[in-house]
Amino acid sequence: MFSGDYIATLVSRFFVLLIAMSVHEFAHAYVAHLMGDDTAKSQGRMTLDPRANIYWPGFIVGVLIGFAVLGSAPVNPYRMRKRRLGMFLAVLAGPFSNLIVAALFALPFRLGLVNPVSYGTVGGILPTLPRFLFDMIYLNIVLFLFNILPLFPLDGWTVTLSALPTGPAIWWERQKMNSQYVLIALIVLSFLAPSLADIYPPLGYADVLSLILGGPSIRILYFLVGI
C-alpha cells in the first residue's frame, strides 16, 4: 500500500520533529526561566522530554506534511522581570533553537564525515544516515522560518507583539484572529495550488507558503552543509 521510501520519510520525520519540538519548547521554557518565569519549570515542562509539551494532533499533521504546531510550553509574561523583553526573548528562543539544531546537524557534512551522496533508504523502509541528517537540517530550517511568520498562533506573531510600541501593539492584538485566518488560507492554498496549476499554470503561484518557506530553506540548507 505504501512504498518503502514513503515509510522511510515518515520514520525520518517522526524522529526529526520529535527532537525539533523538544528542543524548541525547552528553549521557550528555559529562556522564560532566565527572565523570571518559572511556570514551565514548576509544571515539570522545562525539559527535553517530548512527552511534556507535545501537541499530538499537530505533531501527527507535522509528520504527514513536514510542518505544523508541534507542541506548547507554558510561558507567562506577568512573572517576568521585564515583561515585554522577556516575552520577546522567550518566544524568539524557540525558532532560533531550531536553526541552531540545523547548524549542528550540518557539521558532519561540513567536516566531510558523512557522504551526502548516499541518500536513500536502508532495507527499504528506514532512512540512511545522510538522509536523516538532511531531513534534520531541512525540517528544522522550515520550522524556524515557519514559526517566525507574524501570524497567530505562530511565535512570530507574539514576537512582533512584544516588539511593537504600545499603540501599534494594541492594534496588532486586535488583528489576532485575522492573522490566523490568513495562516489558514495560506495552508489551504498550499494544498490546492497543484490542482489549480493543472487548470491554469499561473495559479500555481497561489502556493505563497511554499514560496516563503521553500526557496529560503534550500538556500540556508546549502549554506550550512557547504554545497
C-alpha atoms as a PDB file:
ATOM      1  CA  MET A   1       0.000   0.000   0.000  1.00  0.00           C
ATOM      2  CA  PHE A   2       2.790   2.397   0.949  1.00  0.00           C
ATOM      3  CA  SER A   3       6.202   2.445  -0.724  1.00  0.00           C
ATOM      4  CA  GLY A   4       9.323   1.844   1.307  1.00  0.00           C
ATOM      5  CA  ASP A   5      10.516   5.367   0.509  1.00  0.00           C
ATOM      6  CA  TYR A   6       7.288   6.865   1.869  1.00  0.00           C
ATOM      7  CA  ILE A   7       7.585   4.848   5.083  1.00  0.00           C
ATOM      8  CA  ALA A   8      11.214   5.946   5.420  1.00  0.00           C
ATOM      9  CA  THR A   9      10.093   9.558   5.012  1.00  0.00           C
ATOM     10  CA  LEU A  10       7.539   9.177   7.810  1.00  0.00           C
ATOM     11  CA  VAL A  11      10.063   7.442  10.084  1.00  0.00           C
ATOM     12  CA  SER A  12      12.599  10.193   9.481  1.00  0.00           C
ATOM     13  CA  ARG A  13      10.078  12.978  10.029  1.00  0.00           C
ATOM     14  CA  PHE A  14       8.802  11.378  13.230  1.00  0.00           C
ATOM     15  CA  PHE A  15      12.196  11.388  14.913  1.00  0.00           C
ATOM     16  CA  VAL A  16      13.317  14.687  13.400  1.00  0.00           C
ATOM     17  CA  LEU A  17      10.181  16.506  14.532  1.00  0.00           C
ATOM     18  CA  LEU A  18      10.260  14.841  17.949  1.00  0.00           C
ATOM     19  CA  ILE A  19      13.759  16.226  18.507  1.00  0.00           C
ATOM     20  CA  ALA A  20      12.934  19.596  16.919  1.00  0.00           C
ATOM     21  CA  MET A  21       9.799  20.044  19.030  1.00  0.00           C
ATOM     22  CA  SER A  22      11.534  19.030  22.258  1.00  0.00           C
ATOM     23  CA  VAL A  23      14.399  21.484  21.752  1.00  0.00           C
ATOM     24  CA  HIS A  24      12.032  24.247  20.599  1.00  0.00           C
ATOM     25  CA  GLU A  25       9.753  24.018  23.640  1.00  0.00           C
ATOM     26  CA  PHE A  26      12.679  23.616  26.050  1.00  0.00           C
ATOM     27  CA  ALA A  27      14.202  26.803  24.626  1.00  0.00           C
ATOM     28  CA  HIS A  28      10.946  28.701  25.260  1.00  0.00           C
ATOM     29  CA  ALA A  29      10.755  27.427  28.822  1.00  0.00           C
ATOM     30  CA  TYR A  30      14.447  27.883  29.660  1.00  0.00           C
ATOM     31  CA  VAL A  31      14.690  31.482  28.431  1.00  0.00           C
ATOM     32  CA  ALA A  32      11.411  32.279  30.212  1.00  0.00           C
ATOM     33  CA  HIS A  33      13.008  30.822  33.370  1.00  0.00           C
ATOM     34  CA  LEU A  34      16.066  33.042  32.892  1.00  0.00           C
ATOM     35  CA  MET A  35      13.726  36.031  32.635  1.00  0.00           C
ATOM     36  CA  GLY A  36      11.998  35.132  35.896  1.00  0.00           C
ATOM     37  CA  ASP A  37       9.070  32.982  34.750  1.00  0.00           C
ATOM     38  CA  ASP A  38       9.132  29.537  36.378  1.00  0.00           C
ATOM     39  CA  THR A  39       5.730  28.403  35.070  1.00  0.00           C
ATOM     40  CA  ALA A  40       7.118  25.636  32.848  1.00  0.00           C
ATOM     41  CA  LYS A  41       9.703  24.577  35.430  1.00  0.00           C
ATOM     42  CA  SER A  42       7.128  24.324  38.229  1.00  0.00           C
ATOM     43  CA  GLN A  43       4.953  22.130  35.985  1.00  0.00           C
ATOM     44  CA  GLY A  44       7.848  19.840  35.063  1.00  0.00           C
ATOM     45  CA  ARG A  45       7.770  21.075  31.472  1.00  0.00           C
ATOM     46  CA  MET A  46      11.182  22.741  31.288  1.00  0.00           C
ATOM     47  CA  THR A  47      12.607  19.537  29.888  1.00  0.00           C
ATOM     48  CA  LEU A  48      13.780  17.866  26.700  1.00  0.00           C
ATOM     49  CA  ASP A  49      11.359  15.003  27.361  1.00  0.00           C
ATOM     50  CA  PRO A  50       8.947  15.290  24.385  1.00  0.00           C
ATOM     51  CA  ARG A  51       6.043  13.919  26.404  1.00  0.00           C
ATOM     52  CA  ALA A  52       5.912  17.091  28.497  1.00  0.00           C
ATOM     53  CA  ASN A  53       4.983  19.508  25.715  1.00  0.00           C
ATOM     54  CA  ILE A  54       3.911  17.554  22.646  1.00  0.00           C
ATOM     55  CA  TYR A  55       0.653  18.527  20.918  1.00  0.00           C
ATOM     56  CA  TRP A  56      -0.341  15.219  19.356  1.00  0.00           C
ATOM     57  CA  PRO A  57      -2.830  16.412  16.674  1.00  0.00           C
ATOM     58  CA  GLY A  58      -0.342  18.970  15.363  1.00  0.00           C
ATOM     59  CA  PHE A  59       2.559  16.541  15.660  1.00  0.00           C
ATOM     60  CA  ILE A  60       0.782  13.898  13.564  1.00  0.00           C
ATOM     61  CA  VAL A  61      -0.006  16.524  10.916  1.00  0.00           C
ATOM     62  CA  GLY A  62       3.645  17.575  11.027  1.00  0.00           C
ATOM     63  CA  VAL A  63       4.816  14.024  10.361  1.00  0.00           C
ATOM     64  CA  LEU A  64       2.469  13.817   7.384  1.00  0.00           C
ATOM     65  CA  ILE A  65       3.249  17.180   5.754  1.00  0.00           C
ATOM     66  CA  GLY A  66       6.551  18.307   7.311  1.00  0.00           C
ATOM     67  CA  PHE A  67       5.471  21.227   9.494  1.00  0.00           C
ATOM     68  CA  ALA A  68       2.723  22.186  11.955  1.00  0.00           C
ATOM     69  CA  VAL A  69       2.234  23.410  15.511  1.00  0.00           C
ATOM     70  CA  LEU A  70       4.010  20.534  17.240  1.00  0.00           C
ATOM     71  CA  GLY A  71       3.965  21.420  20.923  1.00  0.00           C
ATOM     72  CA  SER A  72       3.392  24.081  23.529  1.00  0.00           C
ATOM     73  CA  ALA A  73       5.399  25.053  26.609  1.00  0.00           C
ATOM     74  CA  PRO A  74       3.681  27.437  29.071  1.00  0.00           C
ATOM     75  CA  VAL A  75       5.167  30.946  29.201  1.00  0.00           C
ATOM     76  CA  ASN A  76       3.744  33.664  31.472  1.00  0.00           C
ATOM     77  CA  PRO A  77       4.990  37.218  30.774  1.00  0.00           C
ATOM     78  CA  TYR A  78       3.443  38.518  34.020  1.00  0.00           C
ATOM     79  CA  ARG A  79       6.007  36.563  36.020  1.00  0.00           C
ATOM     80  CA  MET A  80       8.958  38.013  34.108  1.00  0.00           C
ATOM     81  CA  ARG A  81      11.150  40.798  35.439  1.00  0.00           C
ATOM     82  CA  LYS A  82      10.840  42.730  32.177  1.00  0.00           C
ATOM     83  CA  ARG A  83       7.579  41.558  30.672  1.00  0.00           C
ATOM     84  CA  ARG A  84       7.898  42.736  27.049  1.00  0.00           C
ATOM     85  CA  LEU A  85      11.609  41.975  26.708  1.00  0.00           C
ATOM     86  CA  GLY A  86      11.216  38.662  28.495  1.00  0.00           C
ATOM     87  CA  MET A  87       8.356  37.567  26.258  1.00  0.00           C
ATOM     88  CA  PHE A  88      10.226  38.697  23.148  1.00  0.00           C
ATOM     89  CA  LEU A  89      13.328  36.668  24.046  1.00  0.00           C
ATOM     90  CA  ALA A  90      11.498  33.594  25.385  1.00  0.00           C
ATOM     91  CA  VAL A  91       9.292  33.252  22.313  1.00  0.00           C
ATOM     92  CA  LEU A  92      12.070  34.009  19.835  1.00  0.00           C
ATOM     93  CA  ALA A  93      14.266  31.377  21.501  1.00  0.00           C
ATOM     94  CA  GLY A  94      12.052  28.588  20.160  1.00  0.00           C
ATOM     95  CA  PRO A  95      12.507  29.104  16.416  1.00  0.00           C
ATOM     96  CA  PHE A  96      16.153  30.092  16.794  1.00  0.00           C
ATOM     97  CA  SER A  97      16.810  26.855  18.679  1.00  0.00           C
ATOM     98  CA  ASN A  98      15.656  25.017  15.521  1.00  0.00           C
ATOM     99  CA  LEU A  99      18.150  26.984  13.438  1.00  0.00           C
ATOM    100  CA  ILE A 100      20.901  26.036  15.899  1.00  0.00           C
ATOM    101  CA  VAL A 101      19.878  22.360  15.686  1.00  0.00           C
ATOM    102  CA  ALA A 102      20.060  22.573  11.885  1.00  0.00           C
ATOM    103  CA  ALA A 103      23.549  24.083  12.058  1.00  0.00           C
ATOM    104  CA  LEU A 104      24.786  21.399  14.478  1.00  0.00           C
ATOM    105  CA  PHE A 105      23.498  18.526  12.354  1.00  0.00           C
ATOM    106  CA  ALA A 106      25.115  20.102   9.289  1.00  0.00           C
ATOM    107  CA  LEU A 107      28.577  19.759  10.832  1.00  0.00           C
ATOM    108  CA  PRO A 108      29.118  16.116   9.724  1.00  0.00           C
ATOM    109  CA  PHE A 109      28.705  17.283   6.110  1.00  0.00           C
ATOM    110  CA  ARG A 110      30.843  20.379   6.626  1.00  0.00           C
ATOM    111  CA  LEU A 111      33.613  18.296   8.187  1.00  0.00           C
ATOM    112  CA  GLY A 112      33.426  15.600   5.492  1.00  0.00           C
ATOM    113  CA  LEU A 113      32.407  12.899   7.978  1.00  0.00           C
ATOM    114  CA  VAL A 114      29.258  11.918   6.064  1.00  0.00           C
ATOM    115  CA  ASN A 115      28.907  11.392   2.337  1.00  0.00           C
ATOM    116  CA  PRO A 116      25.825  13.296   1.104  1.00  0.00           C
ATOM    117  CA  VAL A 117      25.609  11.059  -1.982  1.00  0.00           C
ATOM    118  CA  SER A 118      24.303   8.008  -0.086  1.00  0.00           C
ATOM    119  CA  TYR A 119      20.811   9.449   0.184  1.00  0.00           C
ATOM    120  CA  GLY A 120      18.091   6.829   0.260  1.00  0.00           C
ATOM    121  CA  THR A 121      16.756   4.046   2.424  1.00  0.00           C
ATOM    122  CA  VAL A 122      18.135   1.138   4.403  1.00  0.00           C
ATOM    123  CA  GLY A 123      16.253  -2.107   3.952  1.00  0.00           C
ATOM    124  CA  GLY A 124      13.583  -0.266   2.000  1.00  0.00           C
ATOM    125  CA  ILE A 125      11.850   1.407   4.958  1.00  0.00           C
ATOM    126  CA  LEU A 126      14.498   3.132   7.083  1.00  0.00           C
ATOM    127  CA  PRO A 127      16.305   6.332   6.052  1.00  0.00           C
ATOM    128  CA  THR A 128      20.062   6.267   5.565  1.00  0.00           C
ATOM    129  CA  LEU A 129      22.162   8.427   7.885  1.00  0.00           C
ATOM    130  CA  PRO A 130      22.723  11.149   5.234  1.00  0.00           C
ATOM    131  CA  ARG A 131      19.005  11.251   4.509  1.00  0.00           C
ATOM    132  CA  PHE A 132      18.147  11.524   8.207  1.00  0.00           C
ATOM    133  CA  LEU A 133      20.703  14.306   8.660  1.00  0.00           C
ATOM    134  CA  PHE A 134      19.411  16.191   5.617  1.00  0.00           C
ATOM    135  CA  ASP A 135      15.860  15.866   6.939  1.00  0.00           C
ATOM    136  CA  MET A 136      17.021  17.080  10.365  1.00  0.00           C
ATOM    137  CA  ILE A 137      18.668  20.123   8.814  1.00  0.00           C
ATOM    138  CA  TYR A 138      15.947  20.957   6.305  1.00  0.00           C
ATOM    139  CA  LEU A 139      12.918  20.462   8.553  1.00  0.00           C
ATOM    140  CA  ASN A 140      14.468  22.455  11.387  1.00  0.00           C
ATOM    141  CA  ILE A 141      15.106  25.282   8.932  1.00  0.00           C
ATOM    142  CA  VAL A 142      11.492  25.058   7.735  1.00  0.00           C
ATOM    143  CA  LEU A 143      10.268  25.153  11.338  1.00  0.00           C
ATOM    144  CA  PHE A 144      12.476  28.181  12.010  1.00  0.00           C
ATOM    145  CA  LEU A 145      11.081  30.090   9.027  1.00  0.00           C
ATOM    146  CA  PHE A 146       7.506  28.897   9.568  1.00  0.00           C
ATOM    147  CA  ASN A 147       7.466  29.881  13.224  1.00  0.00           C
ATOM    148  CA  ILE A 148       8.802  33.395  12.673  1.00  0.00           C
ATOM    149  CA  LEU A 149       5.917  34.227  10.323  1.00  0.00           C
ATOM    150  CA  PRO A 150       3.986  37.050  12.046  1.00  0.00           C
ATOM    151  CA  LEU A 151       0.705  35.110  12.020  1.00  0.00           C
ATOM    152  CA  PHE A 152      -1.203  33.846  15.045  1.00  0.00           C
ATOM    153  CA  PRO A 153      -0.698  31.353  16.719  1.00  0.00           C
ATOM    154  CA  LEU A 154       2.907  31.161  15.469  1.00  0.00           C
ATOM    155  CA  ASP A 155       5.809  32.515  17.507  1.00  0.00           C
ATOM    156  CA  GLY A 156       6.386  35.323  15.036  1.00  0.00           C
ATOM    157  CA  TRP A 157       3.037  36.896  15.897  1.00  0.00           C
ATOM    158  CA  THR A 158       3.908  37.092  19.605  1.00  0.00           C
ATOM    159  CA  VAL A 159       7.450  38.276  18.867  1.00  0.00           C
ATOM    160  CA  THR A 160       6.010  41.099  16.767  1.00  0.00           C
ATOM    161  CA  LEU A 161       3.501  41.959  19.506  1.00  0.00           C
ATOM    162  CA  SER A 162       6.282  42.145  22.094  1.00  0.00           C
ATOM    163  CA  ALA A 163       8.479  44.306  19.863  1.00  0.00           C
ATOM    164  CA  LEU A 164       5.845  46.894  18.927  1.00  0.00           C
ATOM    165  CA  PRO A 165       5.270  50.140  20.870  1.00  0.00           C
ATOM    166  CA  THR A 166       2.099  50.259  22.966  1.00  0.00           C
ATOM    167  CA  GLY A 167      -0.200  51.866  20.365  1.00  0.00           C
ATOM    168  CA  PRO A 168       0.668  49.596  17.427  1.00  0.00           C
ATOM    169  CA  ALA A 169       0.744  46.606  19.813  1.00  0.00           C
ATOM    170  CA  ILE A 170      -2.893  47.245  20.745  1.00  0.00           C
ATOM    171  CA  TRP A 171      -3.830  47.290  17.048  1.00  0.00           C
ATOM    172  CA  TRP A 172      -1.777  44.134  16.445  1.00  0.00           C
ATOM    173  CA  GLU A 173      -3.545  42.361  19.297  1.00  0.00           C
ATOM    174  CA  ARG A 174      -6.878  43.186  17.677  1.00  0.00           C
ATOM    175  CA  GLN A 175      -5.705  41.551  14.437  1.00  0.00           C
ATOM    176  CA  LYS A 176      -5.015  38.195  16.126  1.00  0.00           C
ATOM    177  CA  MET A 177      -7.900  36.299  14.576  1.00  0.00           C
ATOM    178  CA  ASN A 178      -7.492  37.987  11.183  1.00  0.00           C
ATOM    179  CA  SER A 179      -3.866  36.849  11.062  1.00  0.00           C
ATOM    180  CA  GLN A 180      -4.962  33.330  11.975  1.00  0.00           C
ATOM    181  CA  TYR A 181      -7.380  33.333   9.055  1.00  0.00           C
ATOM    182  CA  VAL A 182      -4.506  34.398   6.780  1.00  0.00           C
ATOM    183  CA  LEU A 183      -2.413  31.481   8.057  1.00  0.00           C
ATOM    184  CA  ILE A 184      -5.250  29.012   7.480  1.00  0.00           C
ATOM    185  CA  ALA A 185      -5.756  30.393   3.973  1.00  0.00           C
ATOM    186  CA  LEU A 186      -2.047  30.035   3.175  1.00  0.00           C
ATOM    187  CA  ILE A 187      -2.043  26.426   4.356  1.00  0.00           C
ATOM    188  CA  VAL A 188      -5.187  25.576   2.373  1.00  0.00           C
ATOM    189  CA  LEU A 189      -3.755  27.219  -0.765  1.00  0.00           C
ATOM    190  CA  SER A 190      -0.549  25.206  -0.388  1.00  0.00           C
ATOM    191  CA  PHE A 191      -2.645  22.055  -0.849  1.00  0.00           C
ATOM    192  CA  LEU A 192      -4.911  23.425  -3.573  1.00  0.00           C
ATOM    193  CA  ALA A 193      -2.227  25.118  -5.699  1.00  0.00           C
ATOM    194  CA  PRO A 194      -1.044  21.954  -7.547  1.00  0.00           C
ATOM    195  CA  SER A 195      -4.609  21.189  -8.660  1.00  0.00           C
ATOM    196  CA  LEU A 196      -5.196  24.825  -9.589  1.00  0.00           C
ATOM    197  CA  ALA A 197      -1.953  24.818 -11.603  1.00  0.00           C
ATOM    198  CA  ASP A 198      -3.257  21.857 -13.626  1.00  0.00           C
ATOM    199  CA  ILE A 199      -6.221  24.016 -14.609  1.00  0.00           C
ATOM    200  CA  TYR A 200      -4.233  27.200 -15.229  1.00  0.00           C
ATOM    201  CA  PRO A 201      -0.435  27.091 -14.651  1.00  0.00           C
ATOM    202  CA  PRO A 202      -0.052  30.627 -13.204  1.00  0.00           C
ATOM    203  CA  LEU A 203      -2.377  29.608 -10.369  1.00  0.00           C
ATOM    204  CA  GLY A 204       0.493  27.501  -9.062  1.00  0.00           C
ATOM    205  CA  TYR A 205       1.848  30.740  -7.608  1.00  0.00           C
ATOM    206  CA  ALA A 206      -1.098  30.707  -5.199  1.00  0.00           C
ATOM    207  CA  ASP A 207       1.094  28.482  -3.010  1.00  0.00           C
ATOM    208  CA  VAL A 208       2.578  31.509  -1.272  1.00  0.00           C
ATOM    209  CA  LEU A 209       3.638  29.428   1.730  1.00  0.00           C
ATOM    210  CA  SER A 210       5.982  27.315  -0.402  1.00  0.00           C
ATOM    211  CA  LEU A 211       7.436  30.461  -1.946  1.00  0.00           C
ATOM    212  CA  ILE A 212       8.084  31.865   1.523  1.00  0.00           C
ATOM    213  CA  LEU A 213       9.486  28.664   3.012  1.00  0.00           C
ATOM    214  CA  GLY A 214      10.815  26.513   0.165  1.00  0.00           C
ATOM    215  CA  GLY A 215      13.427  28.630  -1.586  1.00  0.00           C
ATOM    216  CA  PRO A 216      14.892  30.242   1.553  1.00  0.00           C
ATOM    217  CA  SER A 217      15.014  26.846   3.310  1.00  0.00           C
ATOM    218  CA  ILE A 218      17.022  25.294   0.473  1.00  0.00           C
ATOM    219  CA  ARG A 219      19.428  28.251   0.350  1.00  0.00           C
ATOM    220  CA  ILE A 220      20.026  28.097   4.118  1.00  0.00           C
ATOM    221  CA  LEU A 221      20.495  24.298   3.906  1.00  0.00           C
ATOM    222  CA  TYR A 222      23.067  24.633   1.126  1.00  0.00           C
ATOM    223  CA  PHE A 223      24.907  27.294   3.121  1.00  0.00           C
ATOM    224  CA  LEU A 224      25.002  25.161   6.293  1.00  0.00           C
ATOM    225  CA  VAL A 225      26.195  21.972   4.607  1.00  0.00           C
ATOM    226  CA  GLY A 226      28.599  23.823   2.322  1.00  0.00           C
ATOM    227  CA  ILE A 227      27.127  22.856  -1.046  1.00  0.00           C
END
